[in-house]
PDB file of N, CA and C in Angstrom:
ATOM      1  N   MET A   1       4.584  17.156 -16.978  1.00  0.00           N
ATOM      2  CA  MET A   1       4.011  16.580 -15.528  1.00  0.00           C
ATOM      3  C   MET A   1       3.962  18.010 -14.781  1.00  0.00           C
ATOM      4  N   ASN A   2       3.134  17.587 -13.593  1.00  0.00           N
ATOM      5  CA  ASN A   2       2.598  18.892 -12.775  1.00  0.00           C
ATOM      6  C   ASN A   2       2.165  18.560 -11.654  1.00  0.00           C
ATOM      7  N   ILE A   3       2.729  19.601 -10.589  1.00  0.00           N
ATOM      8  CA  ILE A   3       2.730  19.239  -9.071  1.00  0.00           C
ATOM      9  C   ILE A   3       1.785  20.380  -8.812  1.00  0.00           C
ATOM     10  N   LYS A   4       0.737  19.846  -7.951  1.00  0.00           N
ATOM     11  CA  LYS A   4      -0.570  20.437  -7.459  1.00  0.00           C
ATOM     12  C   LYS A   4      -0.468  20.285  -6.145  1.00  0.00           C
ATOM     13  N   THR A   5      -0.954  21.356  -5.216  1.00  0.00           N
ATOM     14  CA  THR A   5      -1.163  21.046  -3.786  1.00  0.00           C
ATOM     15  C   THR A   5      -3.037  20.323  -3.556  1.00  0.00           C
ATOM     16  N   ALA A   6      -2.823  19.947  -2.770  1.00  0.00           N
ATOM     17  CA  ALA A   6      -4.276  19.402  -2.054  1.00  0.00           C
ATOM     18  C   ALA A   6      -4.225  18.992  -0.669  1.00  0.00           C
ATOM     19  N   ILE A   7      -5.989  18.618  -0.538  1.00  0.00           N
ATOM     20  CA  ILE A   7      -6.301  18.779   1.469  1.00  0.00           C
ATOM     21  C   ILE A   7      -6.454  17.507   1.206  1.00  0.00           C
ATOM     22  N   LEU A   8      -6.194  16.183   2.321  1.00  0.00           N
ATOM     23  CA  LEU A   8      -6.274  15.008   2.130  1.00  0.00           C
ATOM     24  C   LEU A   8      -7.831  14.969   3.114  1.00  0.00           C
ATOM     25  N   LYS A   9      -8.849  14.493   2.356  1.00  0.00           N
ATOM     26  CA  LYS A   9      -9.844  13.954   3.131  1.00  0.00           C
ATOM     27  C   LYS A   9      -9.874  12.606   3.678  1.00  0.00           C
ATOM     28  N   SER A  10      -9.124  11.340   3.034  1.00  0.00           N
ATOM     29  CA  SER A  10      -8.945  10.278   3.895  1.00  0.00           C
ATOM     30  C   SER A  10      -7.841   9.630   3.017  1.00  0.00           C
ATOM     31  N   PHE A  11      -7.473   8.358   3.589  1.00  0.00           N
ATOM     32  CA  PHE A  11      -6.279   7.540   3.688  1.00  0.00           C
ATOM     33  C   PHE A  11      -6.702   6.155   3.906  1.00  0.00           C
ATOM     34  N   ASP A  12      -6.500   5.373   2.685  1.00  0.00           N
ATOM     35  CA  ASP A  12      -6.351   3.891   3.346  1.00  0.00           C
ATOM     36  C   ASP A  12      -5.240   2.944   3.134  1.00  0.00           C
ATOM     37  N   SER A  13      -5.223   3.018   4.470  1.00  0.00           N
ATOM     38  CA  SER A  13      -3.624   2.108   4.276  1.00  0.00           C
ATOM     39  C   SER A  13      -3.657   0.504   4.030  1.00  0.00           C
ATOM     40  N   ASN A  14      -4.860  -0.153   3.732  1.00  0.00           N
ATOM     41  CA  ASN A  14      -4.332  -1.247   3.190  1.00  0.00           C
ATOM     42  C   ASN A  14      -4.020  -1.025   1.563  1.00  0.00           C
ATOM     43  N   THR A  15      -4.605  -0.139   0.754  1.00  0.00           N
ATOM     44  CA  THR A  15      -4.305   0.285  -0.510  1.00  0.00           C
ATOM     45  C   THR A  15      -3.609   1.099  -0.879  1.00  0.00           C
ATOM     46  N   TYR A  16      -2.998   1.878   0.382  1.00  0.00           N
ATOM     47  CA  TYR A  16      -2.212   2.811   0.176  1.00  0.00           C
ATOM     48  C   TYR A  16      -2.760   4.149  -0.922  1.00  0.00           C
ATOM     49  N   THR A  17      -3.884   4.307  -0.690  1.00  0.00           N
ATOM     50  CA  THR A  17      -4.656   5.337  -1.781  1.00  0.00           C
ATOM     51  C   THR A  17      -5.369   6.168  -1.017  1.00  0.00           C
ATOM     52  N   ALA A  18      -5.707   7.534  -1.695  1.00  0.00           N
ATOM     53  CA  ALA A  18      -6.267   8.713  -0.911  1.00  0.00           C
ATOM     54  C   ALA A  18      -7.261   9.460  -1.361  1.00  0.00           C
ATOM     55  N   THR A  19      -8.140   9.742  -0.579  1.00  0.00           N
ATOM     56  CA  THR A  19      -9.079  10.698  -1.435  1.00  0.00           C
ATOM     57  C   THR A  19      -8.528  12.138  -1.295  1.00  0.00           C
ATOM     58  N   ILE A  20      -8.790  13.172  -2.090  1.00  0.00           N
ATOM     59  CA  ILE A  20      -8.304  14.333  -2.023  1.00  0.00           C
ATOM     60  C   ILE A  20      -9.070  15.141  -2.372  1.00  0.00           C
ATOM     61  N   ARG A  21      -8.661  16.666  -1.905  1.00  0.00           N
ATOM     62  CA  ARG A  21      -9.255  17.857  -3.062  1.00  0.00           C
ATOM     63  C   ARG A  21      -8.329  19.110  -3.020  1.00  0.00           C
ATOM     64  N   ILE A  22      -8.400  19.194  -4.453  1.00  0.00           N
ATOM     65  CA  ILE A  22      -7.127  19.952  -5.297  1.00  0.00           C
ATOM     66  C   ILE A  22      -7.386  21.383  -4.698  1.00  0.00           C
ATOM     67  N   ASN A  23      -6.398  21.954  -4.258  1.00  0.00           N
ATOM     68  CA  ASN A  23      -6.611  23.475  -3.961  1.00  0.00           C
ATOM     69  C   ASN A  23      -7.321  23.931  -5.251  1.00  0.00           C
ATOM     70  N   GLY A  24      -7.981  25.128  -4.555  1.00  0.00           N
ATOM     71  CA  GLY A  24      -8.818  25.953  -5.763  1.00  0.00           C
ATOM     72  C   GLY A  24      -9.835  25.561  -6.153  1.00  0.00           C
ATOM     73  N   SER A  25     -10.633  23.905  -5.800  1.00  0.00           N
ATOM     74  CA  SER A  25     -11.349  23.240  -6.312  1.00  0.00           C
ATOM     75  C   SER A  25     -12.249  22.950  -4.968  1.00  0.00           C
ATOM     76  N   SER A  26     -13.345  23.716  -4.824  1.00  0.00           N
ATOM     77  CA  SER A  26     -14.328  23.662  -3.704  1.00  0.00           C
ATOM     78  C   SER A  26     -14.845  22.180  -3.483  1.00  0.00           C
ATOM     79  N   LYS A  27     -15.560  21.715  -4.460  1.00  0.00           N
ATOM     80  CA  LYS A  27     -16.256  20.498  -4.481  1.00  0.00           C
ATOM     81  C   LYS A  27     -16.041  19.309  -4.782  1.00  0.00           C
ATOM     82  N   VAL A  28     -14.942  19.559  -5.896  1.00  0.00           N
ATOM     83  CA  VAL A  28     -14.663  17.791  -6.354  1.00  0.00           C
ATOM     84  C   VAL A  28     -13.448  17.060  -5.423  1.00  0.00           C
ATOM     85  N   TYR A  29     -13.760  16.091  -5.141  1.00  0.00           N
ATOM     86  CA  TYR A  29     -12.757  15.088  -4.821  1.00  0.00           C
ATOM     87  C   TYR A  29     -12.729  14.181  -5.717  1.00  0.00           C
ATOM     88  N   LEU A  30     -10.859  13.730  -5.682  1.00  0.00           N
ATOM     89  CA  LEU A  30     -10.362  12.792  -6.387  1.00  0.00           C
ATOM     90  C   LEU A  30     -10.115  11.630  -5.232  1.00  0.00           C
ATOM     91  N   GLU A  31     -10.791  10.555  -6.026  1.00  0.00           N
ATOM     92  CA  GLU A  31     -10.570   9.509  -5.378  1.00  0.00           C
ATOM     93  C   GLU A  31      -9.514   8.570  -5.669  1.00  0.00           C
ATOM     94  N   ASN A  32      -8.912   7.223  -4.909  1.00  0.00           N
ATOM     95  CA  ASN A  32      -8.371   6.595  -5.465  1.00  0.00           C
ATOM     96  C   ASN A  32      -6.973   6.688  -5.805  1.00  0.00           C
ATOM     97  N   VAL A  33      -6.504   7.828  -5.446  1.00  0.00           N
ATOM     98  CA  VAL A  33      -5.028   8.533  -5.663  1.00  0.00           C
ATOM     99  C   VAL A  33      -3.680   7.832  -4.791  1.00  0.00           C
ATOM    100  N   THR A  34      -3.011   7.189  -5.964  1.00  0.00           N
ATOM    101  CA  THR A  34      -1.795   6.714  -5.382  1.00  0.00           C
ATOM    102  C   THR A  34      -1.140   7.298  -4.057  1.00  0.00           C
ATOM    103  N   VAL A  35      -0.951   6.720  -3.407  1.00  0.00           N
ATOM    104  CA  VAL A  35       0.275   7.472  -2.334  1.00  0.00           C
ATOM    105  C   VAL A  35       1.730   7.023  -2.262  1.00  0.00           C
ATOM    106  N   ALA A  36       2.603   7.549  -2.230  1.00  0.00           N
ATOM    107  CA  ALA A  36       4.055   7.155  -2.104  1.00  0.00           C
ATOM    108  C   ALA A  36       3.904   6.283  -1.039  1.00  0.00           C
ATOM    109  N   ARG A  37       5.026   5.108  -1.003  1.00  0.00           N
ATOM    110  CA  ARG A  37       5.428   3.986   0.106  1.00  0.00           C
ATOM    111  C   ARG A  37       5.984   4.632   0.692  1.00  0.00           C
ATOM    112  N   ASN A  38       6.997   5.648   0.686  1.00  0.00           N
ATOM    113  CA  ASN A  38       7.716   6.088   1.365  1.00  0.00           C
ATOM    114  C   ASN A  38       7.272   7.046   2.435  1.00  0.00           C
ATOM    115  N   LEU A  39       6.013   7.691   2.564  1.00  0.00           N
ATOM    116  CA  LEU A  39       5.206   8.375   3.425  1.00  0.00           C
ATOM    117  C   LEU A  39       4.700   7.632   4.348  1.00  0.00           C
ATOM    118  N   GLN A  40       4.999   7.697   5.762  1.00  0.00           N
ATOM    119  CA  GLN A  40       4.482   7.014   6.530  1.00  0.00           C
ATOM    120  C   GLN A  40       2.766   7.433   6.930  1.00  0.00           C
ATOM    121  N   ALA A  41       2.233   6.234   7.309  1.00  0.00           N
ATOM    122  CA  ALA A  41       0.871   5.820   7.255  1.00  0.00           C
ATOM    123  C   ALA A  41       0.250   7.169   8.461  1.00  0.00           C
ATOM    124  N   VAL A  42       0.660   7.194   9.656  1.00  0.00           N
ATOM    125  CA  VAL A  42       0.727   8.193  10.714  1.00  0.00           C
ATOM    126  C   VAL A  42       0.775   9.751  10.098  1.00  0.00           C
ATOM    127  N   GLU A  43       1.298  10.072   9.069  1.00  0.00           N
ATOM    128  CA  GLU A  43       1.375  11.089   8.698  1.00  0.00           C
ATOM    129  C   GLU A  43       0.137  11.781   8.101  1.00  0.00           C
ATOM    130  N   LEU A  44      -0.287  10.500   7.373  1.00  0.00           N
ATOM    131  CA  LEU A  44      -1.695  10.894   6.428  1.00  0.00           C
ATOM    132  C   LEU A  44      -3.078  10.916   7.366  1.00  0.00           C
ATOM    133  N   THR A  45      -3.051  11.887   7.669  1.00  0.00           N
ATOM    134  CA  THR A  45      -4.999  12.071   8.677  1.00  0.00           C
ATOM    135  C   THR A  45      -5.296  13.288   7.282  1.00  0.00           C
ATOM    136  N   ALA A  46      -6.610  13.054   8.076  1.00  0.00           N
ATOM    137  CA  ALA A  46      -7.601  13.927   7.206  1.00  0.00           C
ATOM    138  C   ALA A  46      -7.447  15.331   7.656  1.00  0.00           C
ATOM    139  N   GLY A  47      -7.409  16.125   6.646  1.00  0.00           N
ATOM    140  CA  GLY A  47      -7.013  17.831   7.104  1.00  0.00           C
ATOM    141  C   GLY A  47      -5.442  18.054   6.659  1.00  0.00           C
ATOM    142  N   ARG A  48      -4.683  16.969   6.607  1.00  0.00           N
ATOM    143  CA  ARG A  48      -2.988  17.693   6.053  1.00  0.00           C
ATOM    144  C   ARG A  48      -3.197  18.005   4.655  1.00  0.00           C
ATOM    145  N   LYS A  49      -2.324  18.742   4.464  1.00  0.00           N
ATOM    146  CA  LYS A  49      -1.869  19.388   2.941  1.00  0.00           C
ATOM    147  C   LYS A  49      -0.882  18.369   2.355  1.00  0.00           C
ATOM    148  N   VAL A  50      -0.908  18.330   1.317  1.00  0.00           N
ATOM    149  CA  VAL A  50       0.178  17.351   0.153  1.00  0.00           C
ATOM    150  C   VAL A  50       0.156  17.882  -0.749  1.00  0.00           C
ATOM    151  N   ALA A  51       1.312  17.260  -1.392  1.00  0.00           N
ATOM    152  CA  ALA A  51       1.573  17.475  -2.788  1.00  0.00           C
ATOM    153  C   ALA A  51       1.540  16.355  -3.823  1.00  0.00           C
ATOM    154  N   VAL A  52       0.642  16.555  -5.082  1.00  0.00           N
ATOM    155  CA  VAL A  52       0.290  15.576  -5.779  1.00  0.00           C
ATOM    156  C   VAL A  52       1.476  15.838  -7.203  1.00  0.00           C
ATOM    157  N   LEU A  53       1.838  14.829  -7.734  1.00  0.00           N
ATOM    158  CA  LEU A  53       2.564  14.817  -9.091  1.00  0.00           C
ATOM    159  C   LEU A  53       1.444  14.288  -9.882  1.00  0.00           C
ATOM    160  N   PHE A  54       1.375  15.028 -10.736  1.00  0.00           N
ATOM    161  CA  PHE A  54       0.155  14.221 -11.825  1.00  0.00           C
ATOM    162  C   PHE A  54       1.187  14.358 -13.355  1.00  0.00           C
ATOM    163  N   PHE A  55       1.207  12.679 -13.796  1.00  0.00           N
ATOM    164  CA  PHE A  55       2.219  12.604 -14.813  1.00  0.00           C
ATOM    165  C   PHE A  55       0.997  13.054 -16.180  1.00  0.00           C
ATOM    166  N   GLU A  56       0.105  13.145 -16.083  1.00  0.00           N
ATOM    167  CA  GLU A  56      -0.776  13.243 -17.082  1.00  0.00           C
ATOM    168  C   GLU A  56      -1.604  14.623 -16.134  1.00  0.00           C
ATOM    169  N   SER A  57      -2.073  15.727 -17.249  1.00  0.00           N
ATOM    170  CA  SER A  57      -2.637  16.855 -16.925  1.00  0.00           C
ATOM    171  C   SER A  57      -3.797  16.686 -16.184  1.00  0.00           C
ATOM    172  N   ASN A  58      -4.177  16.264 -15.069  1.00  0.00           N
ATOM    173  CA  ASN A  58      -5.532  16.466 -14.558  1.00  0.00           C
ATOM    174  C   ASN A  58      -6.204  15.180 -14.539  1.00  0.00           C
ATOM    175  N   ASN A  59      -5.090  13.883 -14.237  1.00  0.00           N
ATOM    176  CA  ASN A  59      -5.898  12.877 -14.694  1.00  0.00           C
ATOM    177  C   ASN A  59      -5.329  11.897 -13.346  1.00  0.00           C
ATOM    178  N   SER A  60      -6.449  11.836 -12.155  1.00  0.00           N
ATOM    179  CA  SER A  60      -5.785  10.969 -11.315  1.00  0.00           C
ATOM    180  C   SER A  60      -5.531   9.794 -11.281  1.00  0.00           C
ATOM    181  N   LYS A  61      -5.557   9.127 -12.049  1.00  0.00           N
ATOM    182  CA  LYS A  61      -5.055   7.699 -12.359  1.00  0.00           C
ATOM    183  C   LYS A  61      -4.093   7.543 -12.760  1.00  0.00           C
ATOM    184  N   GLU A  62      -2.991   8.821 -13.156  1.00  0.00           N
ATOM    185  CA  GLU A  62      -1.707   8.703 -13.450  1.00  0.00           C
ATOM    186  C   GLU A  62      -1.110   9.775 -12.552  1.00  0.00           C
ATOM    187  N   SER A  63      -1.637   9.984 -11.165  1.00  0.00           N
ATOM    188  CA  SER A  63      -0.646  10.716 -10.113  1.00  0.00           C
ATOM    189  C   SER A  63      -0.245   9.970  -8.997  1.00  0.00           C
ATOM    190  N   VAL A  64       0.327  10.869  -7.959  1.00  0.00           N
ATOM    191  CA  VAL A  64       0.529  10.020  -6.861  1.00  0.00           C
ATOM    192  C   VAL A  64       1.021  11.493  -5.970  1.00  0.00           C
ATOM    193  N   ILE A  65       0.755  10.911  -4.664  1.00  0.00           N
ATOM    194  CA  ILE A  65       0.734  11.940  -3.627  1.00  0.00           C
ATOM    195  C   ILE A  65       2.355  11.757  -2.964  1.00  0.00           C
ATOM    196  N   ILE A  66       3.079  12.867  -3.444  1.00  0.00           N
ATOM    197  CA  ILE A  66       4.499  12.659  -2.885  1.00  0.00           C
ATOM    198  C   ILE A  66       4.897  13.269  -1.776  1.00  0.00           C
ATOM    199  N   ALA A  67       4.237  14.158  -1.120  1.00  0.00           N
ATOM    200  CA  ALA A  67       4.751  14.823   0.404  1.00  0.00           C
ATOM    201  C   ALA A  67       3.292  15.162   0.981  1.00  0.00           C
ATOM    202  N   VAL A  68       3.918  15.102   2.338  1.00  0.00           N
ATOM    203  CA  VAL A  68       2.932  15.762   3.211  1.00  0.00           C
ATOM    204  C   VAL A  68       3.724  16.897   4.262  1.00  0.00           C
ATOM    205  N   TYR A  69       2.748  18.039   4.285  1.00  0.00           N
ATOM    206  CA  TYR A  69       3.450  19.167   4.724  1.00  0.00           C
ATOM    207  C   TYR A  69       2.577  19.839   5.777  1.00  0.00           C
ATOM    208  N   THR A  70       2.951  20.862   6.626  1.00  0.00           N
ATOM    209  CA  THR A  70       2.349  21.682   6.968  1.00  0.00           C
ATOM    210  C   THR A  70       2.138  23.367   6.652  1.00  0.00           C
TER     211      THR A  70
END
């Protein structure tokens, strides 16, 4: 397991997934990243910093956003 930080680009409250950009990656966005349901949708606005847990290294299908922070 690996935890990385990222910037939230967008959040879909219907599917509880997000598009993010991993810090240090200037042009690559990961889409359809699962968001933990304990995070409030109101906190998931574009530009917020998030913590992403990767169960498999760099595999966005096996990852989840676990925190939002400032």
